[in-house]
Amino acid sequence: MLGAFLIAYLFTVDYDLLLSVELNWWFMLLATITILVARGWAVAIWLTILRGLGAGRFSSVPTLAFVYAKSWLGRYIPGTAPWILGKIYFASRQGLSKTKLAISSLLEAGLQIVVSLVIGLAMILFDPRTAVIPDEYRWLMGIAVVLGVLVLMPPVFNRILRLLFRVSKRGSLDSASLPSWNTVLAGTTMYAFVTVLAGLAAFFVTAAVWPELSWGDAWFVIGVTSLAAAISMLAVFAPGGIGVREAILILLLSTIMPSEIALIATILLRLWSIVGDFLFLGITYLVMRVAGRTPPDIPTTPLGSDA
């Protein structure tokens, strides 16, 4: 269906307009710096959640940043599990508890999806340009937000975790390994900031191909990209949400720019996002090596009592 949509879309575009597009490289540079800051902030969120779960001091923050960057690439494997399992596998080699890593990764993924949905839904409710979205999808997103918030509330989230551990015969969970209200609220606040920051980077990329965008369109682009990111993460059948994210971006960006420019901006956003992911991986690797740490895929001596 996505393929048919894109093929039909390509028959409607004005290719003369596509050829007239000139890329503003200063905006692209600004977007790249912004997204790298957002990626670094995401690492800080993960470490904050781990501390809230009682993980204690970390043996090497640069190594854990590299672990996060490498695991983040797991999003390009179908399903959400590789992204989560990668952090558990590599970070456990640094002496961190697999239980705390599993809980922190699940909580982090849930917060990321719910916060992105909330920001995207707020844009839908207050911006008339999103009238192209059918009412039934608005209701579905609203229901998803309500369910997501309920599931992430510590009393509910912790009960689900205990049930999962009991069913999988992993034993019982002690209270110290479960997230508190402070941990969840801190993660939510930090993810709200990083989501807006990532959306701002996407606005710079969009402005790089369509200079007629105004700062008044920034919130709209932030909401659109947040919504597309959340839905693409829920579409576990698509590696990195490829196709799902693009369809949503083309549909909504076409309300503020010509459809041809929306197509170019959407393709550029995907390519730039992939380059940014690998650039972040390279930077974290260099920082780790400068710090004199061992890459996490090489066996190391376990640290900590519960390694």
C-alpha atoms as a PDB file:
ATOM      1  CA  MET A   1       0.000   0.000   0.000  1.00  0.00           C
ATOM      2  CA  LEU A   2       2.853   2.377   0.834  1.00  0.00           C
ATOM      3  CA  GLY A   3       4.547   1.541  -2.460  1.00  0.00           C
ATOM      4  CA  ALA A   4       1.344   2.172  -4.421  1.00  0.00           C
ATOM      5  CA  PHE A   5       0.869   5.479  -2.616  1.00  0.00           C
ATOM      6  CA  LEU A   6       4.381   6.678  -3.456  1.00  0.00           C
ATOM      7  CA  ILE A   7       4.117   5.597  -7.114  1.00  0.00           C
ATOM      8  CA  ALA A   8       0.781   7.391  -7.517  1.00  0.00           C
ATOM      9  CA  TYR A   9       2.254  10.430  -5.782  1.00  0.00           C
ATOM     10  CA  LEU A  10       5.218  10.583  -8.173  1.00  0.00           C
ATOM     11  CA  PHE A  11       2.827  10.892 -11.124  1.00  0.00           C
ATOM     12  CA  THR A  12       1.387  14.113  -9.702  1.00  0.00           C
ATOM     13  CA  VAL A  13       4.586  16.081  -9.026  1.00  0.00           C
ATOM     14  CA  ASP A  14       5.982  18.984 -11.026  1.00  0.00           C
ATOM     15  CA  TYR A  15       9.516  17.884 -11.864  1.00  0.00           C
ATOM     16  CA  ASP A  16      10.493  21.373 -13.052  1.00  0.00           C
ATOM     17  CA  LEU A  17       9.864  22.621  -9.531  1.00  0.00           C
ATOM     18  CA  LEU A  18      11.945  19.771  -8.114  1.00  0.00           C
ATOM     19  CA  LEU A  19      14.899  20.723 -10.310  1.00  0.00           C
ATOM     20  CA  SER A  20      14.718  24.325  -9.111  1.00  0.00           C
ATOM     21  CA  VAL A  21      15.363  23.401  -5.467  1.00  0.00           C
ATOM     22  CA  GLU A  22      18.632  24.727  -4.011  1.00  0.00           C
ATOM     23  CA  LEU A  23      19.899  23.380  -0.709  1.00  0.00           C
ATOM     24  CA  ASN A  24      20.872  25.829   2.038  1.00  0.00           C
ATOM     25  CA  TRP A  25      23.923  24.140   3.574  1.00  0.00           C
ATOM     26  CA  TRP A  26      24.036  26.518   6.541  1.00  0.00           C
ATOM     27  CA  PHE A  27      20.617  25.291   7.616  1.00  0.00           C
ATOM     28  CA  MET A  28      21.791  21.698   7.137  1.00  0.00           C
ATOM     29  CA  LEU A  29      24.813  22.365   9.353  1.00  0.00           C
ATOM     30  CA  LEU A  30      22.606  23.937  12.010  1.00  0.00           C
ATOM     31  CA  ALA A  31      20.224  20.962  11.811  1.00  0.00           C
ATOM     32  CA  THR A  32      23.096  18.493  12.208  1.00  0.00           C
ATOM     33  CA  ILE A  33      24.488  20.264  15.279  1.00  0.00           C
ATOM     34  CA  THR A  34      21.006  20.388  16.810  1.00  0.00           C
ATOM     35  CA  ILE A  35      20.287  16.693  16.253  1.00  0.00           C
ATOM     36  CA  LEU A  36      23.675  15.688  17.690  1.00  0.00           C
ATOM     37  CA  VAL A  37      22.854  17.670  20.828  1.00  0.00           C
ATOM     38  CA  ALA A  38      19.474  15.898  20.950  1.00  0.00           C
ATOM     39  CA  ARG A  39      21.172  12.489  20.635  1.00  0.00           C
ATOM     40  CA  GLY A  40      23.533  13.374  23.474  1.00  0.00           C
ATOM     41  CA  TRP A  41      20.575  14.492  25.576  1.00  0.00           C
ATOM     42  CA  ALA A  42      18.903  11.133  24.912  1.00  0.00           C
ATOM     43  CA  VAL A  43      21.959   9.410  26.408  1.00  0.00           C
ATOM     44  CA  ALA A  44      21.601  11.641  29.488  1.00  0.00           C
ATOM     45  CA  ILE A  45      17.943  10.566  29.811  1.00  0.00           C
ATOM     46  CA  TRP A  46      18.909   6.892  29.711  1.00  0.00           C
ATOM     47  CA  LEU A  47      21.573   7.375  32.378  1.00  0.00           C
ATOM     48  CA  THR A  48      19.162   9.429  34.511  1.00  0.00           C
ATOM     49  CA  ILE A  49      16.603   6.603  34.403  1.00  0.00           C
ATOM     50  CA  LEU A  50      19.294   4.059  35.287  1.00  0.00           C
ATOM     51  CA  ARG A  51      20.344   6.155  38.285  1.00  0.00           C
ATOM     52  CA  GLY A  52      16.696   6.372  39.334  1.00  0.00           C
ATOM     53  CA  LEU A  53      16.606   2.568  39.309  1.00  0.00           C
ATOM     54  CA  GLY A  54      19.595   2.415  41.643  1.00  0.00           C
ATOM     55  CA  ALA A  55      22.296   1.582  39.088  1.00  0.00           C
ATOM     56  CA  GLY A  56      24.819   3.671  41.056  1.00  0.00           C
ATOM     57  CA  ARG A  57      27.982   5.111  39.546  1.00  0.00           C
ATOM     58  CA  PHE A  58      28.922   4.172  35.987  1.00  0.00           C
ATOM     59  CA  SER A  59      32.364   2.798  35.179  1.00  0.00           C
ATOM     60  CA  SER A  60      32.541   4.733  31.896  1.00  0.00           C
ATOM     61  CA  VAL A  61      30.013   7.272  30.626  1.00  0.00           C
ATOM     62  CA  PRO A  62      31.773   7.580  27.197  1.00  0.00           C
ATOM     63  CA  THR A  63      31.466   3.801  26.724  1.00  0.00           C
ATOM     64  CA  LEU A  64      27.790   3.854  27.648  1.00  0.00           C
ATOM     65  CA  ALA A  65      27.233   6.721  25.188  1.00  0.00           C
ATOM     66  CA  PHE A  66      28.796   4.539  22.490  1.00  0.00           C
ATOM     67  CA  VAL A  67      26.578   1.637  23.578  1.00  0.00           C
ATOM     68  CA  TYR A  68      23.511   3.863  23.194  1.00  0.00           C
ATOM     69  CA  ALA A  69      24.615   5.129  19.770  1.00  0.00           C
ATOM     70  CA  LYS A  70      25.301   1.609  18.492  1.00  0.00           C
ATOM     71  CA  SER A  71      22.064   0.211  19.898  1.00  0.00           C
ATOM     72  CA  TRP A  72      20.120   3.128  18.384  1.00  0.00           C
ATOM     73  CA  LEU A  73      21.002   1.739  14.950  1.00  0.00           C
ATOM     74  CA  GLY A  74      18.977  -1.342  15.906  1.00  0.00           C
ATOM     75  CA  ARG A  75      15.916   0.682  14.903  1.00  0.00           C
ATOM     76  CA  TYR A  76      16.751  -0.166  11.287  1.00  0.00           C
ATOM     77  CA  ILE A  77      16.114  -3.847  12.030  1.00  0.00           C
ATOM     78  CA  PRO A  78      12.400  -4.763  11.864  1.00  0.00           C
ATOM     79  CA  GLY A  79      10.791  -4.616  15.290  1.00  0.00           C
ATOM     80  CA  THR A  80      11.545  -2.489  18.336  1.00  0.00           C
ATOM     81  CA  ALA A  81      13.367  -5.279  20.216  1.00  0.00           C
ATOM     82  CA  PRO A  82      16.864  -4.900  18.618  1.00  0.00           C
ATOM     83  CA  TRP A  83      17.142  -1.314  19.863  1.00  0.00           C
ATOM     84  CA  ILE A  84      16.249  -2.406  23.410  1.00  0.00           C
ATOM     85  CA  LEU A  85      18.184  -5.683  23.407  1.00  0.00           C
ATOM     86  CA  GLY A  86      21.304  -3.988  22.074  1.00  0.00           C
ATOM     87  CA  LYS A  87      21.535  -1.714  25.119  1.00  0.00           C
ATOM     88  CA  ILE A  88      20.963  -4.636  27.476  1.00  0.00           C
ATOM     89  CA  TYR A  89      23.585  -6.832  25.790  1.00  0.00           C
ATOM     90  CA  PHE A  90      26.380  -4.260  25.395  1.00  0.00           C
ATOM     91  CA  ALA A  91      25.805  -2.279  28.601  1.00  0.00           C
ATOM     92  CA  SER A  92      25.702  -5.446  30.726  1.00  0.00           C
ATOM     93  CA  ARG A  93      29.333  -5.998  29.722  1.00  0.00           C
ATOM     94  CA  GLN A  94      30.137  -2.813  31.594  1.00  0.00           C
ATOM     95  CA  GLY A  95      28.918  -4.335  34.841  1.00  0.00           C
ATOM     96  CA  LEU A  96      25.352  -3.017  34.850  1.00  0.00           C
ATOM     97  CA  SER A  97      22.496  -5.207  35.987  1.00  0.00           C
ATOM     98  CA  LYS A  98      20.571  -6.756  33.091  1.00  0.00           C
ATOM     99  CA  THR A  99      17.377  -6.359  35.085  1.00  0.00           C
ATOM    100  CA  LYS A 100      17.872  -2.622  35.532  1.00  0.00           C
ATOM    101  CA  LEU A 101      18.926  -2.277  31.878  1.00  0.00           C
ATOM    102  CA  ALA A 102      15.794  -4.080  30.697  1.00  0.00           C
ATOM    103  CA  ILE A 103      13.491  -1.966  32.871  1.00  0.00           C
ATOM    104  CA  SER A 104      15.213   1.310  31.911  1.00  0.00           C
ATOM    105  CA  SER A 105      15.084   0.454  28.199  1.00  0.00           C
ATOM    106  CA  LEU A 106      11.385  -0.419  28.309  1.00  0.00           C
ATOM    107  CA  LEU A 107      10.573   2.737  30.266  1.00  0.00           C
ATOM    108  CA  GLU A 108      12.671   4.881  27.946  1.00  0.00           C
ATOM    109  CA  ALA A 109      11.016   3.473  24.811  1.00  0.00           C
ATOM    110  CA  GLY A 110       7.561   4.010  26.315  1.00  0.00           C
ATOM    111  CA  LEU A 111       8.335   7.586  27.339  1.00  0.00           C
ATOM    112  CA  GLN A 112       9.717   8.395  23.915  1.00  0.00           C
ATOM    113  CA  ILE A 113       6.607   7.143  22.120  1.00  0.00           C
ATOM    114  CA  VAL A 114       4.092   8.712  24.517  1.00  0.00           C
ATOM    115  CA  VAL A 115       5.799  12.128  24.697  1.00  0.00           C
ATOM    116  CA  SER A 116       6.097  12.262  20.894  1.00  0.00           C
ATOM    117  CA  LEU A 117       2.415  11.347  20.551  1.00  0.00           C
ATOM    118  CA  VAL A 118       1.371  14.005  23.076  1.00  0.00           C
ATOM    119  CA  ILE A 119       3.311  16.745  21.272  1.00  0.00           C
ATOM    120  CA  GLY A 120       1.993  15.592  17.895  1.00  0.00           C
ATOM    121  CA  LEU A 121      -1.568  15.380  19.201  1.00  0.00           C
ATOM    122  CA  ALA A 122      -1.331  18.881  20.692  1.00  0.00           C
ATOM    123  CA  MET A 123      -0.375  20.143  17.238  1.00  0.00           C
ATOM    124  CA  ILE A 124      -3.350  18.335  15.698  1.00  0.00           C
ATOM    125  CA  LEU A 125      -5.838  19.738  18.190  1.00  0.00           C
ATOM    126  CA  PHE A 126      -4.792  23.367  17.796  1.00  0.00           C
ATOM    127  CA  ASP A 127      -3.712  23.678  14.153  1.00  0.00           C
ATOM    128  CA  PRO A 128      -6.426  23.794  11.470  1.00  0.00           C
ATOM    129  CA  ARG A 129      -3.951  22.652   8.794  1.00  0.00           C
ATOM    130  CA  THR A 130      -4.166  19.111  10.126  1.00  0.00           C
ATOM    131  CA  ALA A 131      -7.780  18.784   8.995  1.00  0.00           C
ATOM    132  CA  VAL A 132      -6.463  16.368   6.343  1.00  0.00           C
ATOM    133  CA  ILE A 133      -6.187  13.746   9.104  1.00  0.00           C
ATOM    134  CA  PRO A 134      -9.479  11.797   9.367  1.00  0.00           C
ATOM    135  CA  ASP A 135     -11.341  12.028  12.671  1.00  0.00           C
ATOM    136  CA  GLU A 136     -11.062   8.290  13.341  1.00  0.00           C
ATOM    137  CA  TYR A 137      -7.258   8.539  13.353  1.00  0.00           C
ATOM    138  CA  ARG A 138      -7.413  11.469  15.744  1.00  0.00           C
ATOM    139  CA  TRP A 139      -9.490   9.374  18.133  1.00  0.00           C
ATOM    140  CA  LEU A 140      -7.094   6.438  17.796  1.00  0.00           C
ATOM    141  CA  MET A 141      -4.127   8.660  18.629  1.00  0.00           C
ATOM    142  CA  GLY A 142      -5.984  10.122  21.581  1.00  0.00           C
ATOM    143  CA  ILE A 143      -6.769   6.632  22.886  1.00  0.00           C
ATOM    144  CA  ALA A 144      -3.113   5.625  22.375  1.00  0.00           C
ATOM    145  CA  VAL A 145      -1.967   8.621  24.436  1.00  0.00           C
ATOM    146  CA  VAL A 146      -4.376   7.834  27.286  1.00  0.00           C
ATOM    147  CA  LEU A 147      -3.381   4.154  27.341  1.00  0.00           C
ATOM    148  CA  GLY A 148       0.314   5.060  27.135  1.00  0.00           C
ATOM    149  CA  VAL A 149       0.071   7.463  30.058  1.00  0.00           C
ATOM    150  CA  LEU A 150      -1.800   4.902  32.139  1.00  0.00           C
ATOM    151  CA  VAL A 151       0.707   2.130  31.395  1.00  0.00           C
ATOM    152  CA  LEU A 152       3.691   4.356  32.280  1.00  0.00           C
ATOM    153  CA  MET A 153       2.266   5.354  35.661  1.00  0.00           C
ATOM    154  CA  PRO A 154       4.555   3.634  38.230  1.00  0.00           C
ATOM    155  CA  PRO A 155       1.802   1.630  40.002  1.00  0.00           C
ATOM    156  CA  VAL A 156       0.636   0.165  36.675  1.00  0.00           C
ATOM    157  CA  PHE A 157       4.070  -0.099  35.024  1.00  0.00           C
ATOM    158  CA  ASN A 158       5.579  -1.858  38.055  1.00  0.00           C
ATOM    159  CA  ARG A 159       2.669  -4.279  38.313  1.00  0.00           C
ATOM    160  CA  ILE A 160       3.119  -5.214  34.633  1.00  0.00           C
ATOM    161  CA  LEU A 161       6.860  -5.713  35.159  1.00  0.00           C
ATOM    162  CA  ARG A 162       6.304  -7.981  38.148  1.00  0.00           C
ATOM    163  CA  LEU A 163       3.794 -10.007  36.133  1.00  0.00           C
ATOM    164  CA  LEU A 164       6.226 -10.358  33.202  1.00  0.00           C
ATOM    165  CA  PHE A 165       9.028 -11.500  35.493  1.00  0.00           C
ATOM    166  CA  ARG A 166       6.734 -13.988  37.199  1.00  0.00           C
ATOM    167  CA  VAL A 167       5.463 -15.418  33.895  1.00  0.00           C
ATOM    168  CA  SER A 168       8.989 -15.686  32.457  1.00  0.00           C
ATOM    169  CA  LYS A 169      10.175 -17.334  35.684  1.00  0.00           C
ATOM    170  CA  ARG A 170      12.838 -14.675  36.252  1.00  0.00           C
ATOM    171  CA  GLY A 171      12.088 -14.440  39.937  1.00  0.00           C
ATOM    172  CA  SER A 172      10.701 -11.477  41.825  1.00  0.00           C
ATOM    173  CA  LEU A 173      11.622  -7.816  41.488  1.00  0.00           C
ATOM    174  CA  ASP A 174      12.754  -5.797  44.485  1.00  0.00           C
ATOM    175  CA  SER A 175      11.328  -2.310  44.932  1.00  0.00           C
ATOM    176  CA  ALA A 176      14.739  -0.691  44.421  1.00  0.00           C
ATOM    177  CA  SER A 177      14.783  -1.909  40.781  1.00  0.00           C
ATOM    178  CA  LEU A 178      11.400  -0.381  39.949  1.00  0.00           C
ATOM    179  CA  PRO A 179      10.864   3.200  38.725  1.00  0.00           C
ATOM    180  CA  SER A 180       9.386   5.777  41.088  1.00  0.00           C
ATOM    181  CA  TRP A 181       7.250   8.780  40.252  1.00  0.00           C
ATOM    182  CA  ASN A 182      10.371  10.989  40.381  1.00  0.00           C
ATOM    183  CA  THR A 183      12.145   8.803  37.810  1.00  0.00           C
ATOM    184  CA  VAL A 184       9.169   8.767  35.428  1.00  0.00           C
ATOM    185  CA  LEU A 185       8.524  12.522  35.749  1.00  0.00           C
ATOM    186  CA  ALA A 186      12.215  13.338  35.249  1.00  0.00           C
ATOM    187  CA  GLY A 187      12.341  11.150  32.139  1.00  0.00           C
ATOM    188  CA  THR A 188       9.120  12.675  30.785  1.00  0.00           C
ATOM    189  CA  THR A 189      10.372  16.240  31.238  1.00  0.00           C
ATOM    190  CA  MET A 190      13.729  15.475  29.637  1.00  0.00           C
ATOM    191  CA  TYR A 191      12.100  13.670  26.710  1.00  0.00           C
ATOM    192  CA  ALA A 192       9.762  16.600  26.093  1.00  0.00           C
ATOM    193  CA  PHE A 193      12.836  18.792  25.664  1.00  0.00           C
ATOM    194  CA  VAL A 194      14.677  16.346  23.396  1.00  0.00           C
ATOM    195  CA  THR A 195      11.563  15.797  21.255  1.00  0.00           C
ATOM    196  CA  VAL A 196      11.189  19.528  20.660  1.00  0.00           C
ATOM    197  CA  LEU A 197      14.933  19.764  19.945  1.00  0.00           C
ATOM    198  CA  ALA A 198      14.769  16.946  17.372  1.00  0.00           C
ATOM    199  CA  GLY A 199      11.709  18.581  15.795  1.00  0.00           C
ATOM    200  CA  LEU A 200      13.569  21.889  15.591  1.00  0.00           C
ATOM    201  CA  ALA A 201      16.415  20.128  13.765  1.00  0.00           C
ATOM    202  CA  ALA A 202      13.845  18.759  11.300  1.00  0.00           C
ATOM    203  CA  PHE A 203      12.511  22.299  10.818  1.00  0.00           C
ATOM    204  CA  PHE A 204      16.004  23.456   9.829  1.00  0.00           C
ATOM    205  CA  VAL A 205      16.248  20.624   7.277  1.00  0.00           C
ATOM    206  CA  THR A 206      12.850  21.552   5.851  1.00  0.00           C
ATOM    207  CA  ALA A 207      13.820  25.227   5.696  1.00  0.00           C
ATOM    208  CA  ALA A 208      16.979  24.220   3.825  1.00  0.00           C
ATOM    209  CA  VAL A 209      14.844  23.190   0.812  1.00  0.00           C
ATOM    210  CA  TRP A 210      11.962  25.651   1.271  1.00  0.00           C
ATOM    211  CA  PRO A 211      13.295  29.042   2.443  1.00  0.00           C
ATOM    212  CA  GLU A 212       9.769  30.517   2.476  1.00  0.00           C
ATOM    213  CA  LEU A 213       9.085  28.726   5.763  1.00  0.00           C
ATOM    214  CA  SER A 214       8.680  31.167   8.645  1.00  0.00           C
ATOM    215  CA  TRP A 215       9.463  30.717  12.316  1.00  0.00           C
ATOM    216  CA  GLY A 216       5.701  30.551  12.797  1.00  0.00           C
ATOM    217  CA  ASP A 217       5.796  27.193  10.982  1.00  0.00           C
ATOM    218  CA  ALA A 218       8.381  25.757  13.401  1.00  0.00           C
ATOM    219  CA  TRP A 219       5.820  24.429  15.892  1.00  0.00           C
ATOM    220  CA  PHE A 220       3.852  22.806  13.069  1.00  0.00           C
ATOM    221  CA  VAL A 221       6.955  21.013  11.732  1.00  0.00           C
ATOM    222  CA  ILE A 222       7.935  19.965  15.278  1.00  0.00           C
ATOM    223  CA  GLY A 223       4.462  18.498  15.803  1.00  0.00           C
ATOM    224  CA  VAL A 224       4.425  16.765  12.419  1.00  0.00           C
ATOM    225  CA  THR A 225       7.836  15.143  12.886  1.00  0.00           C
ATOM    226  CA  SER A 226       6.987  14.123  16.466  1.00  0.00           C
ATOM    227  CA  LEU A 227       3.765  12.493  15.332  1.00  0.00           C
ATOM    228  CA  ALA A 228       5.482  10.732  12.415  1.00  0.00           C
ATOM    229  CA  ALA A 229       8.275   9.496  14.693  1.00  0.00           C
ATOM    230  CA  ALA A 230       5.855   8.080  17.275  1.00  0.00           C
ATOM    231  CA  ILE A 231       3.698   6.261  14.722  1.00  0.00           C
ATOM    232  CA  SER A 232       6.762   4.907  12.906  1.00  0.00           C
ATOM    233  CA  MET A 233       8.040   3.441  16.203  1.00  0.00           C
ATOM    234  CA  LEU A 234       4.674   1.771  16.746  1.00  0.00           C
ATOM    235  CA  ALA A 235       4.873   0.307  13.211  1.00  0.00           C
ATOM    236  CA  VAL A 236       7.255  -2.455  14.293  1.00  0.00           C
ATOM    237  CA  PHE A 237       7.030  -4.187  10.892  1.00  0.00           C
ATOM    238  CA  ALA A 238       8.940  -1.336   9.199  1.00  0.00           C
ATOM    239  CA  PRO A 239      12.713  -1.007   9.833  1.00  0.00           C
ATOM    240  CA  GLY A 240      13.251   2.437  11.335  1.00  0.00           C
ATOM    241  CA  GLY A 241       9.647   3.244  10.417  1.00  0.00           C
ATOM    242  CA  ILE A 242      10.720   3.588   6.778  1.00  0.00           C
ATOM    243  CA  GLY A 243       7.690   4.242   4.578  1.00  0.00           C
ATOM    244  CA  VAL A 244       5.258   4.892   7.423  1.00  0.00           C
ATOM    245  CA  ARG A 245       7.116   7.996   8.584  1.00  0.00           C
ATOM    246  CA  GLU A 246       7.498   9.250   5.022  1.00  0.00           C
ATOM    247  CA  ALA A 247       3.809   8.882   4.174  1.00  0.00           C
ATOM    248  CA  ILE A 248       2.796  10.945   7.219  1.00  0.00           C
ATOM    249  CA  LEU A 249       5.411  13.630   6.554  1.00  0.00           C
ATOM    250  CA  ILE A 250       4.462  14.025   2.883  1.00  0.00           C
ATOM    251  CA  LEU A 251       0.763  14.274   3.744  1.00  0.00           C
ATOM    252  CA  LEU A 252       1.167  16.931   6.444  1.00  0.00           C
ATOM    253  CA  LEU A 253       4.103  18.928   5.061  1.00  0.00           C
ATOM    254  CA  SER A 254       2.136  19.355   1.821  1.00  0.00           C
ATOM    255  CA  THR A 255      -0.224  21.654   3.757  1.00  0.00           C
ATOM    256  CA  ILE A 256       2.519  24.295   4.223  1.00  0.00           C
ATOM    257  CA  MET A 257       4.537  23.895   0.998  1.00  0.00           C
ATOM    258  CA  PRO A 258       4.116  22.530  -2.535  1.00  0.00           C
ATOM    259  CA  SER A 259       3.775  18.740  -2.611  1.00  0.00           C
ATOM    260  CA  GLU A 260       6.947  18.480  -4.702  1.00  0.00           C
ATOM    261  CA  ILE A 261       8.967  20.292  -2.039  1.00  0.00           C
ATOM    262  CA  ALA A 262       7.342  18.161   0.676  1.00  0.00           C
ATOM    263  CA  LEU A 263       8.575  15.060  -1.177  1.00  0.00           C
ATOM    264  CA  ILE A 264      12.138  16.412  -1.380  1.00  0.00           C
ATOM    265  CA  ALA A 265      12.086  17.493   2.278  1.00  0.00           C
ATOM    266  CA  THR A 266      10.814  14.074   3.379  1.00  0.00           C
ATOM    267  CA  ILE A 267      13.494  12.179   1.445  1.00  0.00           C
ATOM    268  CA  LEU A 268      16.165  14.563   2.707  1.00  0.00           C
ATOM    269  CA  LEU A 269      14.949  14.146   6.303  1.00  0.00           C
ATOM    270  CA  ARG A 270      15.357  10.373   6.044  1.00  0.00           C
ATOM    271  CA  LEU A 271      18.834  10.524   4.466  1.00  0.00           C
ATOM    272  CA  TRP A 272      19.992  13.214   6.894  1.00  0.00           C
ATOM    273  CA  SER A 273      18.645  11.208   9.837  1.00  0.00           C
ATOM    274  CA  ILE A 274      20.649   8.125   8.805  1.00  0.00           C
ATOM    275  CA  VAL A 275      23.811  10.188   8.319  1.00  0.00           C
ATOM    276  CA  GLY A 276      23.229  11.821  11.725  1.00  0.00           C
ATOM    277  CA  ASP A 277      22.886   8.414  13.401  1.00  0.00           C
ATOM    278  CA  PHE A 278      26.208   7.204  12.005  1.00  0.00           C
ATOM    279  CA  LEU A 279      27.869  10.536  12.743  1.00  0.00           C
ATOM    280  CA  PHE A 280      26.731  10.288  16.368  1.00  0.00           C
ATOM    281  CA  LEU A 281      28.085   6.712  16.480  1.00  0.00           C
ATOM    282  CA  GLY A 282      31.451   7.910  15.158  1.00  0.00           C
ATOM    283  CA  ILE A 283      31.669  10.797  17.620  1.00  0.00           C
ATOM    284  CA  THR A 284      30.856   8.609  20.628  1.00  0.00           C
ATOM    285  CA  TYR A 285      33.405   6.033  19.454  1.00  0.00           C
ATOM    286  CA  LEU A 286      36.132   8.676  19.159  1.00  0.00           C
ATOM    287  CA  VAL A 287      35.304  10.119  22.590  1.00  0.00           C
ATOM    288  CA  MET A 288      35.414   6.614  24.077  1.00  0.00           C
ATOM    289  CA  ARG A 289      38.798   5.874  22.507  1.00  0.00           C
ATOM    290  CA  VAL A 290      40.226   9.226  23.604  1.00  0.00           C
ATOM    291  CA  ALA A 291      39.037   8.406  27.120  1.00  0.00           C
ATOM    292  CA  GLY A 292      41.018   5.163  26.856  1.00  0.00           C
ATOM    293  CA  ARG A 293      38.052   2.838  27.179  1.00  0.00           C
ATOM    294  CA  THR A 294      37.537  -0.598  25.592  1.00  0.00           C
ATOM    295  CA  PRO A 295      34.737  -0.964  23.024  1.00  0.00           C
ATOM    296  CA  PRO A 296      31.812  -2.843  24.626  1.00  0.00           C
ATOM    297  CA  ASP A 297      31.769  -5.617  22.015  1.00  0.00           C
ATOM    298  CA  ILE A 298      35.102  -6.908  23.374  1.00  0.00           C
ATOM    299  CA  PRO A 299      34.729  -9.009  26.563  1.00  0.00           C
ATOM    300  CA  THR A 300      35.709  -7.078  29.674  1.00  0.00           C
ATOM    301  CA  THR A 301      36.067  -7.910  33.337  1.00  0.00           C
ATOM    302  CA  PRO A 302      32.596  -7.622  34.971  1.00  0.00           C
ATOM    303  CA  LEU A 303      32.183  -4.782  37.451  1.00  0.00           C
ATOM    304  CA  GLY A 304      29.675  -4.534  40.257  1.00  0.00           C
ATOM    305  CA  SER A 305      28.001  -7.053  42.515  1.00  0.00           C
ATOM    306  CA  ASP A 306      25.176  -7.963  40.115  1.00  0.00           C
ATOM    307  CA  ALA A 307      27.160  -8.109  36.825  1.00  0.00           C
END
